[in-house]
N, C-alpha and C. Protein backbone atom coordinates (compact mmCIF):
# COMPACT_ATOMS: atom_id res chain seq x y z
N UNK A 1 -15.50 18.85 103.80
CA UNK A 1 -16.88 18.85 103.50
C UNK A 1 -17.36 17.41 103.36
N UNK A 2 -18.46 17.09 103.93
CA UNK A 2 -19.00 15.74 103.82
C UNK A 2 -20.47 15.83 103.46
N UNK A 3 -20.96 14.75 102.93
CA UNK A 3 -22.37 14.71 102.54
C UNK A 3 -22.99 13.44 103.06
N UNK A 4 -24.26 13.52 103.35
CA UNK A 4 -24.99 12.34 103.80
C UNK A 4 -25.72 11.75 102.61
N UNK A 5 -25.64 10.43 102.49
CA UNK A 5 -26.31 9.74 101.40
C UNK A 5 -27.14 8.63 101.99
N UNK A 6 -28.39 8.53 101.57
CA UNK A 6 -29.28 7.48 102.04
C UNK A 6 -28.92 6.20 101.30
N UNK A 7 -28.37 5.23 102.03
CA UNK A 7 -27.94 3.99 101.40
C UNK A 7 -29.11 3.10 100.99
N UNK A 8 -30.31 3.38 101.45
CA UNK A 8 -31.49 2.59 101.09
C UNK A 8 -32.12 3.05 99.77
N UNK A 9 -31.75 4.22 99.34
CA UNK A 9 -32.34 4.79 98.13
C UNK A 9 -31.57 4.29 96.90
N UNK A 10 -32.29 3.79 95.92
CA UNK A 10 -31.66 3.30 94.69
C UNK A 10 -32.03 4.21 93.53
N UNK A 11 -31.09 4.40 92.69
CA UNK A 11 -31.32 5.18 91.49
C UNK A 11 -31.21 4.23 90.30
N UNK A 12 -32.24 4.24 89.49
CA UNK A 12 -32.25 3.39 88.31
C UNK A 12 -32.09 4.27 87.08
N UNK A 13 -31.11 3.94 86.29
CA UNK A 13 -30.89 4.67 85.05
C UNK A 13 -31.50 3.86 83.92
N UNK A 14 -32.38 4.49 83.18
CA UNK A 14 -33.05 3.82 82.06
C UNK A 14 -32.50 4.41 80.77
N UNK A 15 -31.99 3.53 79.92
CA UNK A 15 -31.50 3.99 78.62
C UNK A 15 -32.69 4.41 77.78
N UNK A 16 -32.58 5.55 77.12
CA UNK A 16 -33.68 5.97 76.24
C UNK A 16 -33.80 5.02 75.06
N UNK A 17 -35.01 4.92 74.52
CA UNK A 17 -35.19 4.08 73.33
C UNK A 17 -34.45 4.71 72.17
N UNK A 18 -33.89 3.89 71.30
CA UNK A 18 -33.19 4.46 70.15
C UNK A 18 -34.16 5.25 69.28
N UNK A 19 -33.66 6.30 68.68
CA UNK A 19 -34.48 7.11 67.79
C UNK A 19 -34.85 6.28 66.57
N UNK A 20 -36.04 6.48 66.05
CA UNK A 20 -36.40 5.73 64.84
C UNK A 20 -35.46 6.07 63.70
N UNK A 21 -35.13 5.06 62.93
CA UNK A 21 -34.21 5.23 61.81
C UNK A 21 -35.02 5.61 60.58
N UNK A 22 -34.56 6.63 59.89
CA UNK A 22 -35.23 7.03 58.65
C UNK A 22 -35.11 5.89 57.65
N UNK A 23 -36.03 5.85 56.70
CA UNK A 23 -36.00 4.80 55.70
C UNK A 23 -34.64 4.71 55.04
N UNK A 24 -34.18 3.52 54.84
CA UNK A 24 -32.85 3.36 54.25
C UNK A 24 -32.91 3.65 52.76
N UNK A 25 -31.86 4.26 52.27
CA UNK A 25 -31.75 4.57 50.85
C UNK A 25 -31.00 3.42 50.20
N UNK A 26 -31.49 2.98 49.06
CA UNK A 26 -30.84 1.90 48.33
C UNK A 26 -30.18 2.49 47.09
N UNK A 27 -29.12 1.84 46.65
CA UNK A 27 -28.36 2.35 45.50
C UNK A 27 -28.36 1.33 44.36
N UNK A 28 -28.60 1.83 43.17
CA UNK A 28 -28.41 1.05 41.96
C UNK A 28 -27.08 1.51 41.38
N UNK A 29 -26.14 0.59 41.26
CA UNK A 29 -24.78 0.94 40.83
C UNK A 29 -24.57 0.62 39.36
N UNK A 30 -23.73 1.40 38.72
CA UNK A 30 -23.33 1.15 37.34
C UNK A 30 -22.24 0.08 37.36
N UNK A 31 -22.37 -0.93 36.50
CA UNK A 31 -21.37 -2.01 36.50
C UNK A 31 -20.19 -1.73 35.57
N UNK A 32 -20.22 -0.60 34.85
CA UNK A 32 -19.11 -0.24 33.96
C UNK A 32 -19.12 -0.98 32.64
N UNK A 33 -20.11 -1.83 32.41
CA UNK A 33 -20.16 -2.62 31.18
C UNK A 33 -21.52 -2.49 30.49
N UNK A 34 -22.19 -1.36 30.68
CA UNK A 34 -23.48 -1.14 30.04
C UNK A 34 -24.66 -1.66 30.84
N UNK A 35 -24.43 -2.03 32.06
CA UNK A 35 -25.51 -2.54 32.89
C UNK A 35 -25.53 -1.90 34.26
N UNK A 36 -26.46 -2.35 35.06
CA UNK A 36 -26.61 -1.85 36.42
C UNK A 36 -26.66 -3.01 37.39
N UNK A 37 -26.25 -2.75 38.62
CA UNK A 37 -26.34 -3.74 39.70
C UNK A 37 -27.41 -3.24 40.66
N UNK A 38 -28.46 -4.02 40.79
CA UNK A 38 -29.58 -3.65 41.66
C UNK A 38 -29.21 -3.87 43.13
N UNK A 39 -29.96 -3.26 44.05
CA UNK A 39 -29.63 -3.41 45.48
C UNK A 39 -29.57 -4.86 45.96
N UNK A 40 -30.31 -5.77 45.31
CA UNK A 40 -30.28 -7.17 45.73
C UNK A 40 -29.15 -7.96 45.08
N UNK A 41 -28.32 -7.27 44.26
CA UNK A 41 -27.19 -7.93 43.61
C UNK A 41 -27.47 -8.39 42.19
N UNK A 42 -28.73 -8.36 41.78
CA UNK A 42 -29.08 -8.76 40.41
C UNK A 42 -28.50 -7.75 39.42
N UNK A 43 -28.09 -8.24 38.26
CA UNK A 43 -27.55 -7.38 37.21
C UNK A 43 -28.55 -7.30 36.08
N UNK A 44 -28.69 -6.09 35.53
CA UNK A 44 -29.60 -5.87 34.41
C UNK A 44 -28.85 -5.10 33.33
N UNK A 45 -29.29 -5.27 32.08
CA UNK A 45 -28.70 -4.56 30.95
C UNK A 45 -29.60 -3.38 30.61
N UNK A 46 -29.00 -2.22 30.47
CA UNK A 46 -29.73 -1.00 30.13
C UNK A 46 -29.96 -0.97 28.62
N UNK A 47 -31.19 -0.61 28.20
CA UNK A 47 -31.48 -0.53 26.78
C UNK A 47 -31.18 0.87 26.24
N UNK A 48 -31.45 1.09 24.96
CA UNK A 48 -31.12 2.37 24.31
C UNK A 48 -31.83 3.57 24.93
N UNK A 49 -32.99 3.36 25.52
CA UNK A 49 -33.73 4.47 26.12
C UNK A 49 -33.30 4.74 27.56
N UNK A 50 -32.38 3.91 28.08
CA UNK A 50 -31.91 4.09 29.45
C UNK A 50 -32.69 3.30 30.48
N UNK A 51 -33.70 2.58 30.02
CA UNK A 51 -34.51 1.75 30.92
C UNK A 51 -34.00 0.32 30.93
N UNK A 52 -34.66 -0.51 31.70
CA UNK A 52 -34.27 -1.92 31.76
C UNK A 52 -35.41 -2.76 32.31
N UNK A 53 -35.30 -4.06 32.09
CA UNK A 53 -36.29 -5.01 32.58
C UNK A 53 -35.78 -5.63 33.88
N UNK A 54 -36.65 -5.65 34.88
CA UNK A 54 -36.32 -6.29 36.16
C UNK A 54 -36.38 -7.80 36.01
N UNK A 55 -35.75 -8.54 36.91
CA UNK A 55 -35.81 -10.01 36.84
C UNK A 55 -37.24 -10.56 36.85
N UNK A 56 -38.19 -9.81 37.44
CA UNK A 56 -39.58 -10.28 37.48
C UNK A 56 -40.36 -9.93 36.21
N UNK A 57 -39.69 -9.29 35.24
CA UNK A 57 -40.33 -8.95 33.97
C UNK A 57 -40.87 -7.53 33.90
N UNK A 58 -40.96 -6.84 35.01
CA UNK A 58 -41.46 -5.45 35.02
C UNK A 58 -40.40 -4.54 34.40
N UNK A 59 -40.86 -3.46 33.77
CA UNK A 59 -39.95 -2.54 33.09
C UNK A 59 -39.73 -1.28 33.92
N UNK A 60 -38.48 -0.84 34.01
CA UNK A 60 -38.10 0.41 34.68
C UNK A 60 -37.77 1.41 33.59
N UNK A 61 -38.47 2.54 33.61
CA UNK A 61 -38.32 3.56 32.58
C UNK A 61 -37.43 4.69 33.09
N UNK A 62 -36.57 5.19 32.23
CA UNK A 62 -35.75 6.37 32.56
C UNK A 62 -36.46 7.59 31.99
N UNK A 63 -36.63 8.63 32.83
CA UNK A 63 -37.33 9.83 32.36
C UNK A 63 -36.36 10.87 31.81
N UNK A 64 -36.90 11.98 31.34
CA UNK A 64 -36.08 13.03 30.70
C UNK A 64 -35.04 13.63 31.64
N UNK A 65 -35.32 13.63 32.93
CA UNK A 65 -34.36 14.20 33.89
C UNK A 65 -33.24 13.23 34.22
N UNK A 66 -33.36 11.98 33.73
CA UNK A 66 -32.34 10.97 34.00
C UNK A 66 -32.67 10.07 35.16
N UNK A 67 -33.80 10.30 35.82
CA UNK A 67 -34.22 9.46 36.94
C UNK A 67 -34.86 8.18 36.43
N UNK A 68 -34.86 7.16 37.28
CA UNK A 68 -35.52 5.90 36.95
C UNK A 68 -36.87 5.85 37.66
N UNK A 69 -37.90 5.49 36.92
CA UNK A 69 -39.25 5.37 37.47
C UNK A 69 -39.57 3.89 37.64
N UNK A 70 -39.63 3.45 38.89
CA UNK A 70 -39.88 2.04 39.18
C UNK A 70 -41.35 1.70 39.01
N UNK A 71 -41.66 0.44 38.75
CA UNK A 71 -43.05 0.01 38.57
C UNK A 71 -43.93 0.29 39.80
N UNK A 72 -43.34 0.36 41.00
CA UNK A 72 -44.14 0.60 42.21
C UNK A 72 -44.41 2.09 42.45
N UNK A 73 -43.94 2.96 41.52
CA UNK A 73 -44.17 4.39 41.65
C UNK A 73 -43.02 5.15 42.27
N UNK A 74 -42.04 4.46 42.81
CA UNK A 74 -40.87 5.12 43.38
C UNK A 74 -40.00 5.69 42.27
N UNK A 75 -39.22 6.69 42.63
CA UNK A 75 -38.34 7.35 41.65
C UNK A 75 -36.92 7.33 42.18
N UNK A 76 -35.99 6.80 41.39
CA UNK A 76 -34.58 6.74 41.76
C UNK A 76 -33.85 7.86 41.02
N UNK A 77 -33.16 8.70 41.79
CA UNK A 77 -32.50 9.86 41.20
C UNK A 77 -31.01 9.58 40.98
N UNK A 78 -30.42 10.19 39.94
CA UNK A 78 -28.99 10.00 39.69
C UNK A 78 -28.17 10.45 40.91
N UNK A 79 -27.11 9.69 41.21
CA UNK A 79 -26.29 9.99 42.39
C UNK A 79 -25.00 10.73 42.05
N UNK A 80 -24.79 11.06 40.77
CA UNK A 80 -23.57 11.77 40.38
C UNK A 80 -22.38 10.85 40.20
N UNK A 81 -22.58 9.55 40.39
CA UNK A 81 -21.51 8.56 40.22
C UNK A 81 -21.94 7.47 39.25
N UNK A 82 -22.78 7.85 38.28
CA UNK A 82 -23.33 6.95 37.27
C UNK A 82 -24.25 5.88 37.85
N UNK A 83 -24.72 6.09 39.06
CA UNK A 83 -25.68 5.19 39.68
C UNK A 83 -26.93 5.97 40.07
N UNK A 84 -27.77 5.36 40.89
CA UNK A 84 -29.04 5.96 41.29
C UNK A 84 -29.30 5.69 42.76
N UNK A 85 -29.96 6.65 43.41
CA UNK A 85 -30.39 6.49 44.80
C UNK A 85 -31.90 6.33 44.81
N UNK A 86 -32.35 5.29 45.50
CA UNK A 86 -33.78 4.97 45.53
C UNK A 86 -34.29 4.99 46.97
N UNK A 87 -35.55 5.41 47.13
CA UNK A 87 -36.14 5.41 48.48
C UNK A 87 -36.40 4.00 48.98
């Protein structure tokens, strides 16, 4: 069996554009010494209410469910490993 192929015809393969990436989740980790490590590497000390002051002076409050409420309105939820996942 043989086939005829037009040698003048070119086929161009175009790679599809990558799918958009969903927003990355950031993690606030527990440092094991009463503090937390923020996504940028800064360390903060947690107070008695479970909140803490950011390096810029803004306060992060911990709510009754254990989540952290950031000054920008975002909410970081506990990750089950003594840390938090933030949008």
